[in-house]
PDB file of N, CA and C in Angstrom:
ATOM      1  N   MET A   1       4.975  -4.138 110.543  1.00  0.00           N
ATOM      2  CA  MET A   1       4.655  -3.556 111.590  1.00  0.00           C
ATOM      3  C   MET A   1       4.970  -4.450 112.800  1.00  0.00           C
ATOM      4  N   SER A   2       5.581  -3.929 113.702  1.00  0.00           N
ATOM      5  CA  SER A   2       6.147  -4.866 114.750  1.00  0.00           C
ATOM      6  C   SER A   2       4.990  -4.804 115.990  1.00  0.00           C
ATOM      7  N   HIS A   3       4.956  -5.766 116.881  1.00  0.00           N
ATOM      8  CA  HIS A   3       4.028  -5.877 117.967  1.00  0.00           C
ATOM      9  C   HIS A   3       4.231  -4.525 118.837  1.00  0.00           C
ATOM     10  N   SER A   4       5.444  -4.126 118.901  1.00  0.00           N
ATOM     11  CA  SER A   4       5.584  -2.983 120.056  1.00  0.00           C
ATOM     12  C   SER A   4       4.961  -1.601 119.475  1.00  0.00           C
ATOM     13  N   HIS A   5       4.807  -1.666 118.128  1.00  0.00           N
ATOM     14  CA  HIS A   5       4.301  -0.291 117.440  1.00  0.00           C
ATOM     15  C   HIS A   5       2.914  -0.075 117.666  1.00  0.00           C
ATOM     16  N   SER A   6       2.109  -1.086 117.911  1.00  0.00           N
ATOM     17  CA  SER A   6       0.690  -0.823 118.091  1.00  0.00           C
ATOM     18  C   SER A   6       0.173  -2.001 118.977  1.00  0.00           C
ATOM     19  N   GLN A   7      -0.665  -1.459 120.139  1.00  0.00           N
ATOM     20  CA  GLN A   7      -1.227  -2.411 121.153  1.00  0.00           C
ATOM     21  C   GLN A   7      -2.567  -3.110 120.449  1.00  0.00           C
ATOM     22  N   ASN A   8      -2.983  -2.662 119.386  1.00  0.00           N
ATOM     23  CA  ASN A   8      -3.908  -3.271 118.675  1.00  0.00           C
ATOM     24  C   ASN A   8      -3.491  -4.153 117.544  1.00  0.00           C
ATOM     25  N   TYR A   9      -2.243  -4.359 117.241  1.00  0.00           N
ATOM     26  CA  TYR A   9      -1.685  -5.227 116.168  1.00  0.00           C
ATOM     27  C   TYR A   9      -2.282  -6.852 116.452  1.00  0.00           C
ATOM     28  N   ARG A  10      -2.633  -7.431 115.607  1.00  0.00           N
ATOM     29  CA  ARG A  10      -2.985  -8.794 115.531  1.00  0.00           C
ATOM     30  C   ARG A  10      -2.445  -9.442 114.311  1.00  0.00           C
ATOM     31  N   PRO A  11      -1.533 -10.526 114.533  1.00  0.00           N
ATOM     32  CA  PRO A  11      -0.859 -11.096 113.388  1.00  0.00           C
ATOM     33  C   PRO A  11      -2.179 -11.725 112.546  1.00  0.00           C
ATOM     34  N   PRO A  12      -1.904 -11.874 111.339  1.00  0.00           N
ATOM     35  CA  PRO A  12      -2.978 -12.374 110.407  1.00  0.00           C
ATOM     36  C   PRO A  12      -3.482 -13.927 110.917  1.00  0.00           C
ATOM     37  N   GLU A  13      -2.456 -14.622 111.454  1.00  0.00           N
ATOM     38  CA  GLU A  13      -2.801 -16.077 112.064  1.00  0.00           C
ATOM     39  C   GLU A  13      -3.800 -15.941 112.968  1.00  0.00           C
ATOM     40  N   TYR A  14      -3.953 -14.897 113.640  1.00  0.00           N
ATOM     41  CA  TYR A  14      -5.026 -14.822 114.886  1.00  0.00           C
ATOM     42  C   TYR A  14      -6.380 -14.880 114.351  1.00  0.00           C
ATOM     43  N   ASP A  15      -6.718 -14.047 113.165  1.00  0.00           N
ATOM     44  CA  ASP A  15      -7.903 -14.086 112.393  1.00  0.00           C
ATOM     45  C   ASP A  15      -8.063 -15.510 111.960  1.00  0.00           C
ATOM     46  N   ALA A  16      -7.123 -15.960 111.219  1.00  0.00           N
ATOM     47  CA  ALA A  16      -7.324 -17.262 110.607  1.00  0.00           C
ATOM     48  C   ALA A  16      -7.735 -18.450 111.602  1.00  0.00           C
ATOM     49  N   VAL A  17      -7.041 -18.456 112.851  1.00  0.00           N
ATOM     50  CA  VAL A  17      -7.253 -19.323 113.787  1.00  0.00           C
ATOM     51  C   VAL A  17      -8.900 -19.095 114.327  1.00  0.00           C
ATOM     52  N   ARG A  18      -9.112 -17.701 114.725  1.00  0.00           N
ATOM     53  CA  ARG A  18     -10.414 -17.294 115.040  1.00  0.00           C
ATOM     54  C   ARG A  18     -11.462 -17.918 113.980  1.00  0.00           C
ATOM     55  N   HIS A  19     -11.244 -17.806 112.860  1.00  0.00           N
ATOM     56  CA  HIS A  19     -12.142 -18.496 111.817  1.00  0.00           C
ATOM     57  C   HIS A  19     -12.330 -19.908 111.885  1.00  0.00           C
ATOM     58  N   ILE A  20     -11.241 -20.575 112.171  1.00  0.00           N
ATOM     59  CA  ILE A  20     -11.471 -22.057 112.312  1.00  0.00           C
ATOM     60  C   ILE A  20     -12.193 -22.415 113.454  1.00  0.00           C
ATOM     61  N   LEU A  21     -11.897 -21.749 114.584  1.00  0.00           N
ATOM     62  CA  LEU A  21     -12.459 -21.843 115.978  1.00  0.00           C
ATOM     63  C   LEU A  21     -14.024 -21.574 115.903  1.00  0.00           C
ATOM     64  N   GLY A  22     -14.260 -20.607 115.017  1.00  0.00           N
ATOM     65  CA  GLY A  22     -15.692 -20.132 114.884  1.00  0.00           C
ATOM     66  C   GLY A  22     -16.591 -21.203 113.944  1.00  0.00           C
ATOM     67  N   ALA A  23     -16.180 -22.129 113.460  1.00  0.00           N
ATOM     68  CA  ALA A  23     -16.805 -23.009 112.539  1.00  0.00           C
ATOM     69  C   ALA A  23     -17.979 -23.587 113.382  1.00  0.00           C
ATOM     70  N   PRO A  24     -19.133 -23.693 112.649  1.00  0.00           N
ATOM     71  CA  PRO A  24     -20.456 -24.012 113.280  1.00  0.00           C
ATOM     72  C   PRO A  24     -20.401 -25.462 114.335  1.00  0.00           C
ATOM     73  N   LEU A  25     -19.609 -26.414 113.738  1.00  0.00           N
ATOM     74  CA  LEU A  25     -19.529 -27.516 114.338  1.00  0.00           C
ATOM     75  C   LEU A  25     -18.751 -27.441 115.847  1.00  0.00           C
ATOM     76  N   ILE A  26     -18.086 -26.387 116.033  1.00  0.00           N
ATOM     77  CA  ILE A  26     -17.269 -26.317 117.396  1.00  0.00           C
ATOM     78  C   ILE A  26     -17.416 -24.918 118.057  1.00  0.00           C
ATOM     79  N   GLU A  27     -18.081 -24.146 117.610  1.00  0.00           N
ATOM     80  CA  GLU A  27     -18.085 -22.587 117.965  1.00  0.00           C
ATOM     81  C   GLU A  27     -18.684 -22.473 119.375  1.00  0.00           C
ATOM     82  N   SER A  28     -19.757 -23.186 119.581  1.00  0.00           N
ATOM     83  CA  SER A  28     -20.457 -23.127 121.141  1.00  0.00           C
ATOM     84  C   SER A  28     -19.247 -23.459 122.003  1.00  0.00           C
ATOM     85  N   ARG A  29     -18.575 -24.307 121.633  1.00  0.00           N
ATOM     86  CA  ARG A  29     -17.497 -24.938 122.655  1.00  0.00           C
ATOM     87  C   ARG A  29     -16.237 -24.250 122.714  1.00  0.00           C
ATOM     88  N   THR A  30     -15.847 -23.496 121.523  1.00  0.00           N
ATOM     89  CA  THR A  30     -14.636 -22.927 121.570  1.00  0.00           C
ATOM     90  C   THR A  30     -14.683 -21.325 121.922  1.00  0.00           C
ATOM     91  N   ARG A  31     -15.935 -20.902 121.854  1.00  0.00           N
ATOM     92  CA  ARG A  31     -16.267 -19.356 122.101  1.00  0.00           C
ATOM     93  C   ARG A  31     -15.639 -19.042 123.414  1.00  0.00           C
ATOM     94  N   PRO A  32     -15.690 -19.775 124.538  1.00  0.00           N
ATOM     95  CA  PRO A  32     -15.304 -19.159 125.859  1.00  0.00           C
ATOM     96  C   PRO A  32     -13.725 -19.070 125.858  1.00  0.00           C
ATOM     97  N   TYR A  33     -13.097 -19.614 124.978  1.00  0.00           N
ATOM     98  CA  TYR A  33     -11.589 -19.419 125.064  1.00  0.00           C
ATOM     99  C   TYR A  33     -10.935 -18.756 123.929  1.00  0.00           C
ATOM    100  N   VAL A  34     -11.832 -18.205 123.181  1.00  0.00           N
ATOM    101  CA  VAL A  34     -11.328 -17.070 122.294  1.00  0.00           C
ATOM    102  C   VAL A  34     -11.911 -15.495 122.586  1.00  0.00           C
ATOM    103  N   GLY A  35     -10.878 -14.733 122.821  1.00  0.00           N
ATOM    104  CA  GLY A  35     -11.074 -13.432 123.305  1.00  0.00           C
ATOM    105  C   GLY A  35     -10.556 -12.599 122.122  1.00  0.00           C
ATOM    106  N   ASN A  36     -10.640 -11.321 122.587  1.00  0.00           N
ATOM    107  CA  ASN A  36     -10.254 -10.106 121.629  1.00  0.00           C
ATOM    108  C   ASN A  36      -8.579 -10.095 121.552  1.00  0.00           C
ATOM    109  N   GLY A  37      -7.999 -10.837 120.600  1.00  0.00           N
ATOM    110  CA  GLY A  37      -6.713 -10.696 120.606  1.00  0.00           C
ATOM    111  C   GLY A  37      -6.027 -11.895 121.230  1.00  0.00           C
ATOM    112  N   GLU A  38      -6.702 -12.813 121.932  1.00  0.00           N
ATOM    113  CA  GLU A  38      -6.120 -13.774 122.754  1.00  0.00           C
ATOM    114  C   GLU A  38      -6.903 -15.020 122.640  1.00  0.00           C
ATOM    115  N   ILE A  39      -6.231 -16.167 122.789  1.00  0.00           N
ATOM    116  CA  ILE A  39      -6.688 -17.416 122.663  1.00  0.00           C
ATOM    117  C   ILE A  39      -6.363 -18.351 123.843  1.00  0.00           C
ATOM    118  N   ASP A  40      -7.099 -18.925 124.718  1.00  0.00           N
ATOM    119  CA  ASP A  40      -6.838 -19.693 125.793  1.00  0.00           C
ATOM    120  C   ASP A  40      -6.766 -21.133 125.357  1.00  0.00           C
ATOM    121  N   TRP A  41      -5.103 -21.312 124.930  1.00  0.00           N
ATOM    122  CA  TRP A  41      -4.874 -22.721 124.398  1.00  0.00           C
ATOM    123  C   TRP A  41      -5.046 -23.953 125.360  1.00  0.00           C
ATOM    124  N   ALA A  42      -4.461 -23.452 126.762  1.00  0.00           N
ATOM    125  CA  ALA A  42      -4.722 -24.543 127.554  1.00  0.00           C
ATOM    126  C   ALA A  42      -6.112 -24.814 127.828  1.00  0.00           C
ATOM    127  N   GLY A  43      -7.180 -23.955 127.998  1.00  0.00           N
ATOM    128  CA  GLY A  43      -8.473 -24.118 128.074  1.00  0.00           C
ATOM    129  C   GLY A  43      -9.092 -24.945 126.968  1.00  0.00           C
ATOM    130  N   LEU A  44      -8.668 -24.553 125.756  1.00  0.00           N
ATOM    131  CA  LEU A  44      -9.160 -25.188 124.566  1.00  0.00           C
ATOM    132  C   LEU A  44      -8.669 -26.641 124.457  1.00  0.00           C
ATOM    133  N   GLU A  45      -7.535 -26.930 124.910  1.00  0.00           N
ATOM    134  CA  GLU A  45      -6.960 -28.373 124.939  1.00  0.00           C
ATOM    135  C   GLU A  45      -7.675 -29.062 125.999  1.00  0.00           C
ATOM    136  N   ARG A  46      -8.113 -28.470 127.202  1.00  0.00           N
ATOM    137  CA  ARG A  46      -9.042 -29.337 128.194  1.00  0.00           C
ATOM    138  C   ARG A  46     -10.316 -29.692 127.516  1.00  0.00           C
ATOM    139  N   GLU A  47     -11.041 -28.642 126.870  1.00  0.00           N
ATOM    140  CA  GLU A  47     -12.253 -28.705 126.248  1.00  0.00           C
ATOM    141  C   GLU A  47     -12.359 -29.764 125.076  1.00  0.00           C
ATOM    142  N   ALA A  48     -11.107 -29.813 124.201  1.00  0.00           N
ATOM    143  CA  ALA A  48     -11.028 -30.778 123.141  1.00  0.00           C
ATOM    144  C   ALA A  48     -11.035 -32.316 123.676  1.00  0.00           C
ATOM    145  N   GLU A  49     -10.649 -32.361 124.923  1.00  0.00           N
ATOM    146  CA  GLU A  49     -10.645 -33.819 125.418  1.00  0.00           C
ATOM    147  C   GLU A  49     -11.845 -34.518 125.497  1.00  0.00           C
ATOM    148  N   THR A  50     -12.944 -33.791 125.520  1.00  0.00           N
ATOM    149  CA  THR A  50     -14.311 -34.356 125.469  1.00  0.00           C
ATOM    150  C   THR A  50     -15.036 -33.981 124.125  1.00  0.00           C
ATOM    151  N   MET A  51     -14.332 -33.530 123.133  1.00  0.00           N
ATOM    152  CA  MET A  51     -14.967 -33.391 121.897  1.00  0.00           C
ATOM    153  C   MET A  51     -14.854 -34.605 120.851  1.00  0.00           C
ATOM    154  N   SER A  52     -15.619 -34.740 119.815  1.00  0.00           N
ATOM    155  CA  SER A  52     -15.728 -35.918 118.907  1.00  0.00           C
ATOM    156  C   SER A  52     -14.312 -35.869 118.229  1.00  0.00           C
ATOM    157  N   GLY A  53     -14.123 -36.935 117.549  1.00  0.00           N
ATOM    158  CA  GLY A  53     -12.824 -36.745 116.493  1.00  0.00           C
ATOM    159  C   GLY A  53     -12.715 -35.665 115.546  1.00  0.00           C
ATOM    160  N   GLY A  54     -13.838 -35.387 115.205  1.00  0.00           N
ATOM    161  CA  GLY A  54     -13.821 -34.451 113.942  1.00  0.00           C
ATOM    162  C   GLY A  54     -13.574 -32.894 114.696  1.00  0.00           C
ATOM    163  N   GLU A  55     -14.519 -32.803 115.838  1.00  0.00           N
ATOM    164  CA  GLU A  55     -14.100 -31.481 116.545  1.00  0.00           C
ATOM    165  C   GLU A  55     -12.657 -31.249 116.925  1.00  0.00           C
ATOM    166  N   ARG A  56     -12.165 -32.249 117.584  1.00  0.00           N
ATOM    167  CA  ARG A  56     -10.719 -32.275 117.889  1.00  0.00           C
ATOM    168  C   ARG A  56      -9.837 -31.786 116.715  1.00  0.00           C
ATOM    169  N   PHE A  57     -10.178 -32.544 115.598  1.00  0.00           N
ATOM    170  CA  PHE A  57      -9.317 -32.389 114.271  1.00  0.00           C
ATOM    171  C   PHE A  57      -9.462 -30.798 114.012  1.00  0.00           C
ATOM    172  N   LEU A  58     -10.578 -30.193 114.075  1.00  0.00           N
ATOM    173  CA  LEU A  58     -10.631 -28.674 113.911  1.00  0.00           C
ATOM    174  C   LEU A  58      -9.586 -27.960 114.716  1.00  0.00           C
ATOM    175  N   VAL A  59      -9.823 -28.177 115.981  1.00  0.00           N
ATOM    176  CA  VAL A  59      -8.940 -27.471 117.021  1.00  0.00           C
ATOM    177  C   VAL A  59      -7.549 -27.803 116.809  1.00  0.00           C
ATOM    178  N   GLY A  60      -7.048 -28.966 116.360  1.00  0.00           N
ATOM    179  CA  GLY A  60      -5.830 -29.306 116.152  1.00  0.00           C
ATOM    180  C   GLY A  60      -5.282 -28.400 114.832  1.00  0.00           C
ATOM    181  N   ILE A  61      -6.042 -28.275 113.895  1.00  0.00           N
ATOM    182  CA  ILE A  61      -5.714 -27.442 112.744  1.00  0.00           C
ATOM    183  C   ILE A  61      -5.434 -26.000 113.225  1.00  0.00           C
ATOM    184  N   ALA A  62      -6.501 -25.555 113.935  1.00  0.00           N
ATOM    185  CA  ALA A  62      -6.097 -24.236 114.263  1.00  0.00           C
ATOM    186  C   ALA A  62      -4.968 -24.061 115.322  1.00  0.00           C
ATOM    187  N   SER A  63      -4.633 -24.938 116.287  1.00  0.00           N
ATOM    188  CA  SER A  63      -3.374 -25.010 116.915  1.00  0.00           C
ATOM    189  C   SER A  63      -2.273 -25.127 116.228  1.00  0.00           C
ATOM    190  N   ASP A  64      -2.174 -25.851 115.202  1.00  0.00           N
ATOM    191  CA  ASP A  64      -0.970 -26.062 114.362  1.00  0.00           C
ATOM    192  C   ASP A  64      -0.779 -24.590 113.419  1.00  0.00           C
ATOM    193  N   LEU A  65      -1.990 -24.014 113.122  1.00  0.00           N
ATOM    194  CA  LEU A  65      -1.922 -22.829 112.428  1.00  0.00           C
ATOM    195  C   LEU A  65      -1.265 -21.827 113.095  1.00  0.00           C
ATOM    196  N   TRP A  66      -1.377 -21.840 114.593  1.00  0.00           N
ATOM    197  CA  TRP A  66      -0.897 -20.875 115.602  1.00  0.00           C
ATOM    198  C   TRP A  66       0.605 -21.135 116.012  1.00  0.00           C
ATOM    199  N   THR A  67       0.800 -22.438 116.245  1.00  0.00           N
ATOM    200  CA  THR A  67       2.029 -22.771 116.853  1.00  0.00           C
ATOM    201  C   THR A  67       3.101 -23.426 115.930  1.00  0.00           C
ATOM    202  N   THR A  68       2.514 -23.702 114.545  1.00  0.00           N
ATOM    203  CA  THR A  68       3.425 -24.218 113.761  1.00  0.00           C
ATOM    204  C   THR A  68       4.023 -25.612 114.034  1.00  0.00           C
ATOM    205  N   GLU A  69       3.616 -26.410 115.067  1.00  0.00           N
ATOM    206  CA  GLU A  69       3.950 -27.421 115.412  1.00  0.00           C
ATOM    207  C   GLU A  69       3.790 -28.717 114.406  1.00  0.00           C
ATOM    208  N   LYS A  70       2.862 -28.629 113.531  1.00  0.00           N
ATOM    209  CA  LYS A  70       2.715 -29.579 112.554  1.00  0.00           C
ATOM    210  C   LYS A  70       2.137 -31.204 113.135  1.00  0.00           C
ATOM    211  N   THR A  71       1.193 -31.118 113.716  1.00  0.00           N
ATOM    212  CA  THR A  71       0.656 -32.293 114.356  1.00  0.00           C
ATOM    213  C   THR A  71      -0.402 -32.727 113.519  1.00  0.00           C
ATOM    214  N   ILE A  72      -0.935 -32.013 112.677  1.00  0.00           N
ATOM    215  CA  ILE A  72      -2.057 -32.489 111.845  1.00  0.00           C
ATOM    216  C   ILE A  72      -1.271 -32.651 110.390  1.00  0.00           C
ATOM    217  N   PRO A  73      -1.180 -33.888 109.861  1.00  0.00           N
ATOM    218  CA  PRO A  73      -0.817 -34.152 108.481  1.00  0.00           C
ATOM    219  C   PRO A  73      -1.495 -33.436 107.629  1.00  0.00           C
ATOM    220  N   LEU A  74      -0.860 -32.791 106.711  1.00  0.00           N
ATOM    221  CA  LEU A  74      -1.588 -31.957 105.528  1.00  0.00           C
ATOM    222  C   LEU A  74      -2.506 -32.938 104.647  1.00  0.00           C
ATOM    223  N   ALA A  75      -2.012 -33.999 104.452  1.00  0.00           N
ATOM    224  CA  ALA A  75      -2.897 -34.998 103.435  1.00  0.00           C
ATOM    225  C   ALA A  75      -4.178 -35.580 104.226  1.00  0.00           C
ATOM    226  N   GLU A  76      -4.155 -35.249 105.446  1.00  0.00           N
ATOM    227  CA  GLU A  76      -5.639 -35.521 106.358  1.00  0.00           C
ATOM    228  C   GLU A  76      -6.575 -34.525 106.124  1.00  0.00           C
ATOM    229  N   LEU A  77      -6.327 -33.132 105.482  1.00  0.00           N
ATOM    230  CA  LEU A  77      -7.243 -32.125 105.396  1.00  0.00           C
ATOM    231  C   LEU A  77      -8.306 -32.649 104.483  1.00  0.00           C
ATOM    232  N   PRO A  78      -7.923 -33.134 103.262  1.00  0.00           N
ATOM    233  CA  PRO A  78      -9.077 -33.328 102.302  1.00  0.00           C
ATOM    234  C   PRO A  78      -9.818 -34.811 102.578  1.00  0.00           C
ATOM    235  N   ARG A  79      -9.122 -35.538 103.394  1.00  0.00           N
ATOM    236  CA  ARG A  79      -9.651 -36.905 103.795  1.00  0.00           C
ATOM    237  C   ARG A  79     -10.666 -36.806 104.903  1.00  0.00           C
ATOM    238  N   ARG A  80     -10.505 -35.815 106.011  1.00  0.00           N
ATOM    239  CA  ARG A  80     -11.226 -35.998 107.035  1.00  0.00           C
ATOM    240  C   ARG A  80     -12.128 -34.779 107.179  1.00  0.00           C
ATOM    241  N   LEU A  81     -12.122 -33.663 106.419  1.00  0.00           N
ATOM    242  CA  LEU A  81     -12.904 -32.620 106.483  1.00  0.00           C
ATOM    243  C   LEU A  81     -14.127 -32.740 105.542  1.00  0.00           C
ATOM    244  N   ASP A  82     -15.234 -32.241 105.893  1.00  0.00           N
ATOM    245  CA  ASP A  82     -16.434 -32.288 104.890  1.00  0.00           C
ATOM    246  C   ASP A  82     -16.131 -31.003 104.124  1.00  0.00           C
ATOM    247  N   ASP A  83     -17.046 -30.979 103.166  1.00  0.00           N
ATOM    248  CA  ASP A  83     -16.911 -29.646 102.188  1.00  0.00           C
ATOM    249  C   ASP A  83     -16.783 -28.270 102.945  1.00  0.00           C
ATOM    250  N   ARG A  84     -17.669 -28.330 103.889  1.00  0.00           N
ATOM    251  CA  ARG A  84     -17.973 -26.905 104.555  1.00  0.00           C
ATOM    252  C   ARG A  84     -16.632 -26.451 105.385  1.00  0.00           C
ATOM    253  N   ASN A  85     -16.189 -27.466 105.994  1.00  0.00           N
ATOM    254  CA  ASN A  85     -15.055 -27.394 106.890  1.00  0.00           C
ATOM    255  C   ASN A  85     -13.715 -27.094 106.127  1.00  0.00           C
ATOM    256  N   PHE A  86     -13.766 -28.072 105.072  1.00  0.00           N
ATOM    257  CA  PHE A  86     -12.680 -27.908 104.137  1.00  0.00           C
ATOM    258  C   PHE A  86     -12.331 -26.409 103.746  1.00  0.00           C
ATOM    259  N   ARG A  87     -13.479 -25.966 103.293  1.00  0.00           N
ATOM    260  CA  ARG A  87     -13.647 -24.596 102.611  1.00  0.00           C
ATOM    261  C   ARG A  87     -13.251 -23.433 103.724  1.00  0.00           C
ATOM    262  N   ARG A  88     -13.697 -23.737 104.918  1.00  0.00           N
ATOM    263  CA  ARG A  88     -13.364 -22.709 106.242  1.00  0.00           C
ATOM    264  C   ARG A  88     -11.831 -22.816 106.258  1.00  0.00           C
ATOM    265  N   VAL A  89     -11.304 -24.067 106.272  1.00  0.00           N
ATOM    266  CA  VAL A  89      -9.675 -23.987 106.529  1.00  0.00           C
ATOM    267  C   VAL A  89      -9.014 -23.428 105.453  1.00  0.00           C
ATOM    268  N   LEU A  90      -9.407 -23.632 104.172  1.00  0.00           N
ATOM    269  CA  LEU A  90      -8.677 -22.832 103.141  1.00  0.00           C
ATOM    270  C   LEU A  90      -8.987 -21.082 103.258  1.00  0.00           C
ATOM    271  N   GLU A  91     -10.229 -20.890 103.620  1.00  0.00           N
ATOM    272  CA  GLU A  91     -10.347 -19.430 103.944  1.00  0.00           C
ATOM    273  C   GLU A  91      -9.455 -18.862 104.902  1.00  0.00           C
ATOM    274  N   ALA A  92      -9.210 -19.988 106.137  1.00  0.00           N
ATOM    275  CA  ALA A  92      -8.456 -19.509 107.056  1.00  0.00           C
ATOM    276  C   ALA A  92      -6.847 -19.201 106.665  1.00  0.00           C
ATOM    277  N   LEU A  93      -6.331 -20.285 105.835  1.00  0.00           N
ATOM    278  CA  LEU A  93      -5.315 -20.235 105.382  1.00  0.00           C
ATOM    279  C   LEU A  93      -4.936 -18.969 104.534  1.00  0.00           C
ATOM    280  N   ARG A  94      -5.910 -18.543 103.846  1.00  0.00           N
ATOM    281  CA  ARG A  94      -5.907 -17.259 103.032  1.00  0.00           C
ATOM    282  C   ARG A  94      -5.798 -16.132 103.887  1.00  0.00           C
ATOM    283  N   LEU A  95      -6.596 -16.086 104.786  1.00  0.00           N
ATOM    284  CA  LEU A  95      -6.364 -14.886 106.005  1.00  0.00           C
ATOM    285  C   LEU A  95      -4.971 -14.892 106.704  1.00  0.00           C
ATOM    286  N   ALA A  96      -4.409 -16.128 106.868  1.00  0.00           N
ATOM    287  CA  ALA A  96      -3.117 -16.270 107.649  1.00  0.00           C
ATOM    288  C   ALA A  96      -2.008 -15.636 106.691  1.00  0.00           C
ATOM    289  N   ARG A  97      -2.398 -15.492 105.424  1.00  0.00           N
ATOM    290  CA  ARG A  97      -1.392 -15.089 104.427  1.00  0.00           C
ATOM    291  C   ARG A  97      -1.775 -13.362 104.269  1.00  0.00           C
ATOM    292  N   GLY A  98      -2.891 -13.118 104.983  1.00  0.00           N
ATOM    293  CA  GLY A  98      -2.959 -11.710 104.934  1.00  0.00           C
ATOM    294  C   GLY A  98      -4.105 -11.237 103.858  1.00  0.00           C
ATOM    295  N   GLU A  99      -4.584 -11.921 103.332  1.00  0.00           N
ATOM    296  CA  GLU A  99      -5.428 -11.724 102.102  1.00  0.00           C
ATOM    297  C   GLU A  99      -6.842 -11.462 102.616  1.00  0.00           C
ATOM    298  N   SER A 100      -7.588 -10.825 101.790  1.00  0.00           N
ATOM    299  CA  SER A 100      -8.971 -10.429 102.136  1.00  0.00           C
ATOM    300  C   SER A 100      -9.813 -11.705 101.770  1.00  0.00           C
ATOM    301  N   VAL A 101     -10.818 -12.148 102.550  1.00  0.00           N
ATOM    302  CA  VAL A 101     -11.549 -13.379 102.126  1.00  0.00           C
ATOM    303  C   VAL A 101     -13.104 -12.913 102.276  1.00  0.00           C
ATOM    304  N   ASP A 102     -13.759 -13.337 101.306  1.00  0.00           N
ATOM    305  CA  ASP A 102     -15.090 -13.015 101.249  1.00  0.00           C
ATOM    306  C   ASP A 102     -15.690 -14.229 102.147  1.00  0.00           C
ATOM    307  N   LEU A 103     -15.866 -13.969 103.321  1.00  0.00           N
ATOM    308  CA  LEU A 103     -16.494 -15.028 104.360  1.00  0.00           C
ATOM    309  C   LEU A 103     -17.876 -15.311 104.144  1.00  0.00           C
ATOM    310  N   ALA A 104     -18.811 -14.346 103.227  1.00  0.00           N
ATOM    311  CA  ALA A 104     -20.119 -14.698 103.224  1.00  0.00           C
ATOM    312  C   ALA A 104     -20.119 -15.944 102.013  1.00  0.00           C
ATOM    313  N   ALA A 105     -19.345 -16.222 101.292  1.00  0.00           N
ATOM    314  CA  ALA A 105     -19.627 -17.315 100.349  1.00  0.00           C
ATOM    315  C   ALA A 105     -19.818 -18.726 100.936  1.00  0.00           C
TER     316      ALA A 105
END
């Protein structure tokens, strides 16, 4: 399905990025920049300037998933993320593939 066929189309990466940005660690700070189908990356970058290293890391992962810029080394994921956020990123990667994910687990 192309973007022009449906105004409601959202790429699976959007749901994946939204899932990462909804992590309890950062959700209260990222919520104002995540809308219905849109993400204010410039606003998120400004907000991330005052976040902790771990919070910025999650925002960076979300950004890389959206932009494919590869600023976050893959090897850092298991080293820097706690179990909860590592699981959330894995769930997001499955969402980006278009898979259904049981987010309640």
